[in-house]
């Protein structure tokens, strides 16, 4: 660790542990609780405050650079990634406190060869008493008001958003313009159809080091495609076409895939890099899936949770890859279609470098511009 990183880690510990720090200002445990429980509650809430502060720092750097000196979204993301790398020891420490207080269900251990790692899953839920008109910000506020667990999970999502920010994609902004901003993942807490799957390794001292995060949801295919950029590829399909009957007989569906080549994405994501329209063939199974209203598995986010150099040094990269491979394997075995959109300033290049590799394509993964 650099001197700056060591200082950041020390600041985080002081902020959570010192009697005069945020812990003293936070609400304590209920009357009658043991001193240990009171201290644990105080530390968790202090960690939540520290986590929100750091998320705010990364968001301010990203938003400031995007409006000011950096002319492109990618350059703003690069500045945010540098800030996250600087804060990583502090973010890691706060993550460890929050994770152990968030009551997230730990699933069975996974294995890569002779190495094992752990996964924990958190399913979103309906907000009690919330009407369909209640916006996302109000739902999240209601969850925070339920007590310490709501505050901890809220802050944990903000920390995960900071940890995952890279030059290719920054996740610290709001999901749907909600305020206060907690990053792109917090919306999952208020959605019963959405789940967070966190992969991590455990240090000899028993503390978790996060490797990757998968945020998934289950919705019908039409809803999944409508949620992609610019309204998706079926935005002009008449609504009655998906209801069966005569209107449903008037269209066919096919996939216009990216052309595999070593130059794919070399100068940006070009429209010429996909198959010719006349080469696209109708796929009855795809149309049947659309009309059936059967739910598909939507991968909303698939991210690394450590700086690049940490992923390499700690062997986290193979866990990150294994998690997505396992998702495709499970979905194929269960007969469930998977839909996801690549987030990057150059998705074609990302497709060639990562997703067109045999480890993924062997499970039926196909890529098409939307």
Protein backbone atom coordinates (compact mmCIF):
# COMPACT_ATOMS: atom_id res chain seq x y z
CA UNK A 1 0.00 0.00 0.00
CA UNK A 2 1.12 3.55 -0.70
CA UNK A 3 1.52 6.04 2.18
CA UNK A 4 -1.74 7.67 1.04
CA UNK A 5 -3.56 4.33 1.13
CA UNK A 6 -2.18 3.47 4.56
CA UNK A 7 -3.34 6.85 5.80
CA UNK A 8 -6.80 6.27 4.34
CA UNK A 9 -7.10 2.92 6.11
CA UNK A 10 -6.03 4.47 9.40
CA UNK A 11 -8.59 7.25 9.01
CA UNK A 12 -11.37 4.73 8.47
CA UNK A 13 -10.47 2.81 11.63
CA UNK A 14 -10.25 6.01 13.64
CA UNK A 15 -13.59 7.18 12.31
CA UNK A 16 -15.32 3.94 13.29
CA UNK A 17 -13.45 3.12 16.50
CA UNK A 18 -12.53 6.35 18.29
CA UNK A 19 -14.81 7.35 21.15
CA UNK A 20 -14.86 10.90 19.86
CA UNK A 21 -15.63 9.90 16.25
CA UNK A 22 -18.95 9.35 14.52
CA UNK A 23 -19.61 6.30 16.70
CA UNK A 24 -20.21 8.57 19.65
CA UNK A 25 -22.73 10.60 17.71
CA UNK A 26 -24.65 7.59 16.38
CA UNK A 27 -27.63 6.00 18.01
CA UNK A 28 -26.64 3.24 20.43
CA UNK A 29 -28.23 -0.15 21.07
CA UNK A 30 -31.66 -0.42 22.72
CA UNK A 31 -31.89 -0.01 26.52
CA UNK A 32 -30.76 -3.13 28.33
CA UNK A 33 -28.45 -4.31 25.55
CA UNK A 34 -25.02 -5.44 26.53
CA UNK A 35 -22.02 -3.14 26.19
CA UNK A 36 -20.73 -5.36 23.39
CA UNK A 37 -23.96 -5.04 21.43
CA UNK A 38 -23.99 -1.28 22.01
CA UNK A 39 -20.43 -1.00 20.72
CA UNK A 40 -21.25 -3.18 17.70
CA UNK A 41 -24.30 -1.07 16.84
CA UNK A 42 -22.32 2.13 17.23
CA UNK A 43 -19.48 0.85 15.03
CA UNK A 44 -21.89 -0.30 12.29
CA UNK A 45 -23.61 3.05 12.12
CA UNK A 46 -20.28 4.88 12.21
CA UNK A 47 -19.11 2.69 9.32
CA UNK A 48 -22.29 3.57 7.45
CA UNK A 49 -21.53 7.26 7.88
CA UNK A 50 -17.94 6.76 6.74
CA UNK A 51 -19.08 4.74 3.73
CA UNK A 52 -21.54 7.40 2.63
CA UNK A 53 -18.85 10.05 3.03
CA UNK A 54 -16.47 8.17 0.73
CA UNK A 55 -19.17 7.46 -1.84
CA UNK A 56 -19.90 11.17 -1.81
CA UNK A 57 -16.23 11.95 -2.40
CA UNK A 58 -16.06 9.67 -5.44
CA UNK A 59 -19.36 11.02 -6.78
CA UNK A 60 -18.16 14.61 -6.36
CA UNK A 61 -14.94 13.87 -8.24
CA UNK A 62 -16.84 12.11 -11.03
CA UNK A 63 -19.57 14.73 -11.38
CA UNK A 64 -17.15 17.62 -11.04
CA UNK A 65 -14.80 16.33 -13.69
CA UNK A 66 -17.70 15.52 -16.00
CA UNK A 67 -18.97 19.10 -15.82
CA UNK A 68 -15.58 20.75 -15.74
CA UNK A 69 -12.20 19.83 -17.11
CA UNK A 70 -12.90 16.36 -18.49
CA UNK A 71 -14.63 16.61 -21.89
CA UNK A 72 -15.79 12.99 -21.97
CA UNK A 73 -17.68 10.62 -19.71
CA UNK A 74 -14.79 8.15 -19.91
CA UNK A 75 -12.26 10.68 -18.63
CA UNK A 76 -14.56 11.49 -15.73
CA UNK A 77 -14.74 7.74 -15.00
CA UNK A 78 -10.95 7.50 -15.10
CA UNK A 79 -10.65 10.24 -12.48
CA UNK A 80 -13.23 8.44 -10.31
CA UNK A 81 -11.30 5.17 -10.64
CA UNK A 82 -8.12 6.87 -9.44
CA UNK A 83 -9.99 8.23 -6.43
CA UNK A 84 -11.35 4.75 -5.61
CA UNK A 85 -7.85 3.27 -5.85
CA UNK A 86 -6.63 5.90 -3.40
CA UNK A 87 -9.51 5.19 -0.99
CA UNK A 88 -9.48 1.40 -1.41
CA UNK A 89 -7.98 0.45 2.01
CA UNK A 90 -10.49 2.71 3.72
CA UNK A 91 -13.37 1.43 1.60
CA UNK A 92 -12.31 -2.16 2.28
CA UNK A 93 -12.29 -1.65 6.04
CA UNK A 94 -15.71 0.02 6.01
CA UNK A 95 -17.07 -2.70 3.73
CA UNK A 96 -15.95 -5.36 6.21
CA UNK A 97 -17.77 -3.68 9.08
CA UNK A 98 -20.95 -3.11 7.07
CA UNK A 99 -21.00 -6.55 5.46
CA UNK A 100 -20.83 -8.29 8.82
CA UNK A 101 -23.71 -6.15 10.08
CA UNK A 102 -25.97 -6.38 7.02
CA UNK A 103 -27.43 -9.84 7.78
CA UNK A 104 -26.85 -11.11 4.24
CA UNK A 105 -27.45 -14.80 3.66
CA UNK A 106 -24.24 -16.66 2.89
CA UNK A 107 -24.66 -19.44 0.34
CA UNK A 108 -22.53 -22.55 -0.07
CA UNK A 109 -18.88 -22.12 -0.99
CA UNK A 110 -17.87 -22.21 -4.64
CA UNK A 111 -14.71 -23.79 -6.03
CA UNK A 112 -12.22 -23.02 -8.80
CA UNK A 113 -9.90 -26.00 -9.03
CA UNK A 114 -8.43 -26.42 -5.56
CA UNK A 115 -9.37 -22.90 -4.50
CA UNK A 116 -12.62 -21.93 -2.81
CA UNK A 117 -14.47 -18.67 -2.30
CA UNK A 118 -17.75 -17.64 -0.68
CA UNK A 119 -20.89 -16.01 -2.00
CA UNK A 120 -23.60 -14.11 -0.17
CA UNK A 121 -26.99 -13.23 -1.59
CA UNK A 122 -29.40 -10.47 -0.69
CA UNK A 123 -32.90 -10.51 -2.20
CA UNK A 124 -34.71 -7.22 -2.54
CA UNK A 125 -38.19 -6.92 -1.07
CA UNK A 126 -41.42 -5.05 -1.33
CA UNK A 127 -41.71 -1.96 0.80
CA UNK A 128 -44.61 -2.47 3.18
CA UNK A 129 -47.47 -0.09 2.60
CA UNK A 130 -45.88 1.34 -0.53
CA UNK A 131 -48.32 2.13 -3.30
CA UNK A 132 -47.45 1.61 -6.94
CA UNK A 133 -47.10 5.40 -7.28
CA UNK A 134 -44.42 5.69 -4.60
CA UNK A 135 -41.15 6.64 -6.29
CA UNK A 136 -37.82 4.90 -5.71
CA UNK A 137 -36.43 7.64 -3.47
CA UNK A 138 -39.44 7.34 -1.13
CA UNK A 139 -39.15 3.54 -0.99
CA UNK A 140 -35.45 3.69 -0.11
CA UNK A 141 -36.12 6.36 2.51
CA UNK A 142 -38.74 4.11 4.10
CA UNK A 143 -36.23 1.24 4.27
CA UNK A 144 -33.64 3.51 5.90
CA UNK A 145 -36.20 4.62 8.47
CA UNK A 146 -36.82 1.04 9.58
CA UNK A 147 -33.68 1.06 11.73
CA UNK A 148 -30.00 0.20 11.78
CA UNK A 149 -30.26 -2.68 9.31
CA UNK A 150 -31.80 -0.39 6.71
CA UNK A 151 -29.08 2.22 7.23
CA UNK A 152 -26.32 -0.40 7.01
CA UNK A 153 -27.62 -1.98 3.80
CA UNK A 154 -28.15 1.44 2.26
CA UNK A 155 -24.55 2.44 3.01
CA UNK A 156 -23.22 -0.94 1.90
CA UNK A 157 -24.76 -0.42 -1.55
CA UNK A 158 -23.10 3.00 -1.75
CA UNK A 159 -19.73 1.49 -0.84
CA UNK A 160 -20.18 -1.26 -3.45
CA UNK A 161 -20.95 1.41 -6.05
CA UNK A 162 -17.72 3.19 -5.20
CA UNK A 163 -15.62 0.00 -5.14
CA UNK A 164 -16.89 -1.05 -8.58
CA UNK A 165 -16.21 2.20 -10.42
CA UNK A 166 -13.75 1.80 -13.29
CA UNK A 167 -12.75 3.90 -16.29
CA UNK A 168 -15.04 1.75 -18.45
CA UNK A 169 -18.09 2.30 -16.27
CA UNK A 170 -18.82 4.38 -13.19
CA UNK A 171 -21.59 3.19 -10.87
CA UNK A 172 -21.69 5.97 -8.27
CA UNK A 173 -24.51 7.94 -9.87
CA UNK A 174 -28.20 7.44 -9.11
CA UNK A 175 -30.16 4.59 -10.66
CA UNK A 176 -33.18 6.75 -11.54
CA UNK A 177 -32.37 10.31 -10.43
CA UNK A 178 -33.34 9.44 -6.85
CA UNK A 179 -31.96 11.51 -3.97
CA UNK A 180 -30.04 11.10 -1.79
CA UNK A 181 -27.75 9.33 -4.25
CA UNK A 182 -26.53 5.91 -3.13
CA UNK A 183 -25.19 4.63 -6.44
CA UNK A 184 -26.61 2.28 -9.03
CA UNK A 185 -27.22 -0.78 -6.82
CA UNK A 186 -29.35 0.55 -3.95
CA UNK A 187 -32.57 0.29 -5.98
CA UNK A 188 -32.32 -3.51 -5.62
CA UNK A 189 -33.14 -3.21 -1.91
CA UNK A 190 -36.67 -2.05 -2.78
CA UNK A 191 -37.34 -4.53 -5.59
CA UNK A 192 -38.64 -8.04 -4.79
CA UNK A 193 -37.61 -9.18 -8.29
CA UNK A 194 -33.95 -8.16 -7.86
CA UNK A 195 -31.07 -9.88 -6.09
CA UNK A 196 -27.46 -9.02 -5.26
CA UNK A 197 -24.87 -11.81 -5.31
CA UNK A 198 -21.56 -10.93 -3.70
CA UNK A 199 -18.47 -13.12 -4.17
CA UNK A 200 -15.61 -12.76 -1.70
CA UNK A 201 -12.58 -14.45 -0.22
CA UNK A 202 -11.88 -14.70 3.48
CA UNK A 203 -8.54 -13.60 4.91
CA UNK A 204 -6.66 -15.66 7.53
CA UNK A 205 -8.05 -13.26 10.12
CA UNK A 206 -11.59 -14.10 9.01
CA UNK A 207 -12.36 -10.80 7.27
CA UNK A 208 -14.03 -10.76 3.82
CA UNK A 209 -12.37 -9.22 0.76
CA UNK A 210 -14.97 -8.61 -1.97
CA UNK A 211 -14.26 -9.85 -5.48
CA UNK A 212 -17.38 -9.33 -7.59
CA UNK A 213 -21.02 -8.33 -7.55
CA UNK A 214 -23.84 -9.61 -9.75
CA UNK A 215 -27.14 -7.73 -9.67
CA UNK A 216 -29.90 -9.70 -11.38
CA UNK A 217 -33.65 -9.47 -11.81
CA UNK A 218 -36.40 -11.60 -13.39
CA UNK A 219 -38.85 -10.01 -15.80
CA UNK A 220 -40.53 -10.95 -19.13
CA UNK A 221 -38.33 -10.63 -22.22
CA UNK A 222 -40.15 -7.56 -23.56
CA UNK A 223 -39.57 -5.70 -20.29
CA UNK A 224 -35.92 -6.74 -20.28
CA UNK A 225 -35.32 -5.42 -23.79
CA UNK A 226 -37.31 -2.24 -23.16
CA UNK A 227 -34.94 -1.50 -20.28
CA UNK A 228 -31.88 -1.28 -22.54
CA UNK A 229 -30.53 1.95 -24.03
CA UNK A 230 -32.81 4.11 -26.20
CA UNK A 231 -35.84 1.96 -25.46
CA UNK A 232 -34.37 -1.26 -26.81
CA UNK A 233 -34.66 -3.02 -30.17
CA UNK A 234 -38.44 -3.59 -29.92
CA UNK A 235 -39.48 -0.06 -29.01
CA UNK A 236 -41.49 0.34 -32.22
CA UNK A 237 -43.25 -3.01 -31.97
CA UNK A 238 -47.00 -2.36 -31.43
CA UNK A 239 -48.03 -3.35 -27.88
CA UNK A 240 -50.79 -5.63 -29.15
CA UNK A 241 -48.19 -7.71 -31.00
CA UNK A 242 -47.12 -9.32 -27.72
CA UNK A 243 -50.62 -10.31 -26.65
CA UNK A 244 -51.19 -13.20 -29.05
CA UNK A 245 -53.77 -13.45 -31.78
CA UNK A 246 -53.63 -12.05 -35.30
CA UNK A 247 -51.33 -9.14 -34.41
CA UNK A 248 -48.73 -11.58 -33.09
CA UNK A 249 -48.55 -13.34 -36.44
CA UNK A 250 -47.33 -10.26 -38.25
CA UNK A 251 -43.70 -10.25 -37.11
CA UNK A 252 -40.68 -12.48 -36.73
CA UNK A 253 -37.60 -12.09 -34.53
CA UNK A 254 -33.93 -12.75 -35.16
CA UNK A 255 -30.60 -11.71 -33.69
CA UNK A 256 -28.23 -9.51 -35.68
CA UNK A 257 -24.99 -10.61 -34.07
CA UNK A 258 -21.64 -8.86 -33.87
CA UNK A 259 -19.09 -10.09 -36.38
CA UNK A 260 -16.15 -11.83 -34.69
CA UNK A 261 -12.82 -10.32 -35.74
CA UNK A 262 -9.57 -9.14 -34.21
CA UNK A 263 -10.45 -5.57 -35.24
CA UNK A 264 -13.84 -5.48 -33.53
CA UNK A 265 -14.11 -2.21 -31.59
CA UNK A 266 -10.60 -1.09 -32.57
CA UNK A 267 -11.83 2.38 -33.60
CA UNK A 268 -15.08 2.45 -31.65
CA UNK A 269 -18.40 0.62 -31.81
CA UNK A 270 -19.29 0.85 -35.50
CA UNK A 271 -22.59 -0.21 -37.05
CA UNK A 272 -20.65 -1.97 -39.81
CA UNK A 273 -19.36 -4.51 -37.28
CA UNK A 274 -22.60 -6.47 -37.14
CA UNK A 275 -23.99 -9.10 -39.49
CA UNK A 276 -25.76 -7.86 -42.63
CA UNK A 277 -29.53 -7.59 -42.27
CA UNK A 278 -30.07 -10.03 -45.13
CA UNK A 279 -28.09 -12.66 -43.19
CA UNK A 280 -30.37 -12.52 -40.14
CA UNK A 281 -32.72 -15.49 -39.94
CA UNK A 282 -36.01 -15.77 -38.08
CA UNK A 283 -35.81 -17.67 -34.78
CA UNK A 284 -39.23 -19.07 -33.78
CA UNK A 285 -38.00 -19.91 -30.26
CA UNK A 286 -37.15 -16.27 -29.64
CA UNK A 287 -40.60 -15.15 -30.77
CA UNK A 288 -42.24 -17.85 -28.65
CA UNK A 289 -40.30 -16.65 -25.59
CA UNK A 290 -41.47 -13.10 -26.18
CA UNK A 291 -45.13 -14.10 -26.52
CA UNK A 292 -45.10 -16.49 -23.57
CA UNK A 293 -44.35 -13.74 -21.03
CA UNK A 294 -41.91 -16.19 -19.43
CA UNK A 295 -39.45 -14.41 -17.19
CA UNK A 296 -35.81 -14.14 -18.24
CA UNK A 297 -32.80 -13.50 -16.04
CA UNK A 298 -31.57 -9.93 -16.50
CA UNK A 299 -28.00 -9.18 -15.49
CA UNK A 300 -28.28 -5.54 -14.46
CA UNK A 301 -24.69 -5.26 -13.26
CA UNK A 302 -21.61 -7.50 -13.29
CA UNK A 303 -18.67 -5.74 -11.66
CA UNK A 304 -15.31 -6.22 -10.00
CA UNK A 305 -15.04 -4.88 -6.45
CA UNK A 306 -11.35 -4.08 -6.22
CA UNK A 307 -8.81 -2.04 -8.18
CA UNK A 308 -7.18 -3.80 -11.12
CA UNK A 309 -3.84 -4.29 -9.38
CA UNK A 310 -5.53 -5.78 -6.30
CA UNK A 311 -7.53 -8.18 -8.48
CA UNK A 312 -4.32 -9.40 -10.06
CA UNK A 313 -2.28 -9.59 -6.87
CA UNK A 314 -4.98 -11.34 -4.83
CA UNK A 315 -6.17 -13.69 -7.59
CA UNK A 316 -9.64 -12.14 -7.66
CA UNK A 317 -9.86 -12.01 -11.47
CA UNK A 318 -10.48 -15.74 -11.79
CA UNK A 319 -13.30 -15.49 -9.24
CA UNK A 320 -14.88 -12.63 -11.16
CA UNK A 321 -14.82 -14.66 -14.37
CA UNK A 322 -16.01 -17.81 -12.63
CA UNK A 323 -19.07 -16.04 -11.24
CA UNK A 324 -20.39 -15.05 -14.66
CA UNK A 325 -19.53 -18.43 -16.14
CA UNK A 326 -21.45 -20.13 -13.32
CA UNK A 327 -24.45 -17.85 -13.89
CA UNK A 328 -24.58 -18.88 -17.57
CA UNK A 329 -24.17 -22.54 -16.65
CA UNK A 330 -27.00 -22.46 -14.11
CA UNK A 331 -29.30 -20.59 -16.47
CA UNK A 332 -28.64 -23.02 -19.33
CA UNK A 333 -29.23 -26.02 -17.07
CA UNK A 334 -32.51 -24.49 -15.88
CA UNK A 335 -33.61 -23.50 -19.39
CA UNK A 336 -33.70 -19.80 -18.50
CA UNK A 337 -32.73 -17.13 -21.03
CA UNK A 338 -30.22 -14.47 -19.91
CA UNK A 339 -30.31 -10.85 -21.08
CA UNK A 340 -27.73 -8.19 -20.31
CA UNK A 341 -26.36 -4.99 -21.78
CA UNK A 342 -22.66 -4.15 -21.90
CA UNK A 343 -21.85 -0.89 -20.16
CA UNK A 344 -18.81 0.79 -21.66
CA UNK A 345 -17.73 3.73 -23.80
CA UNK A 346 -16.82 1.06 -26.40
CA UNK A 347 -19.04 -2.02 -25.91
CA UNK A 348 -17.77 -3.73 -29.07
CA UNK A 349 -14.20 -3.67 -27.78
CA UNK A 350 -15.38 -4.95 -24.39
CA UNK A 351 -17.29 -7.72 -26.16
CA UNK A 352 -14.18 -8.84 -28.05
CA UNK A 353 -11.81 -8.67 -25.09
CA UNK A 354 -14.09 -10.31 -22.50
CA UNK A 355 -17.41 -11.78 -23.57
CA UNK A 356 -16.54 -13.44 -26.87
CA UNK A 357 -14.06 -15.71 -25.12
CA UNK A 358 -14.78 -19.46 -25.13
CA UNK A 359 -15.42 -19.49 -21.36
CA UNK A 360 -18.62 -17.55 -22.03
CA UNK A 361 -19.58 -18.35 -25.63
CA UNK A 362 -19.47 -22.08 -24.84
CA UNK A 363 -22.66 -21.60 -22.81
CA UNK A 364 -24.61 -20.05 -25.69
CA UNK A 365 -23.80 -16.37 -25.14
CA UNK A 366 -24.59 -14.29 -28.25
CA UNK A 367 -23.96 -10.56 -28.64
CA UNK A 368 -25.89 -8.06 -30.73
CA UNK A 369 -25.96 -4.24 -30.90
CA UNK A 370 -29.18 -2.72 -29.52
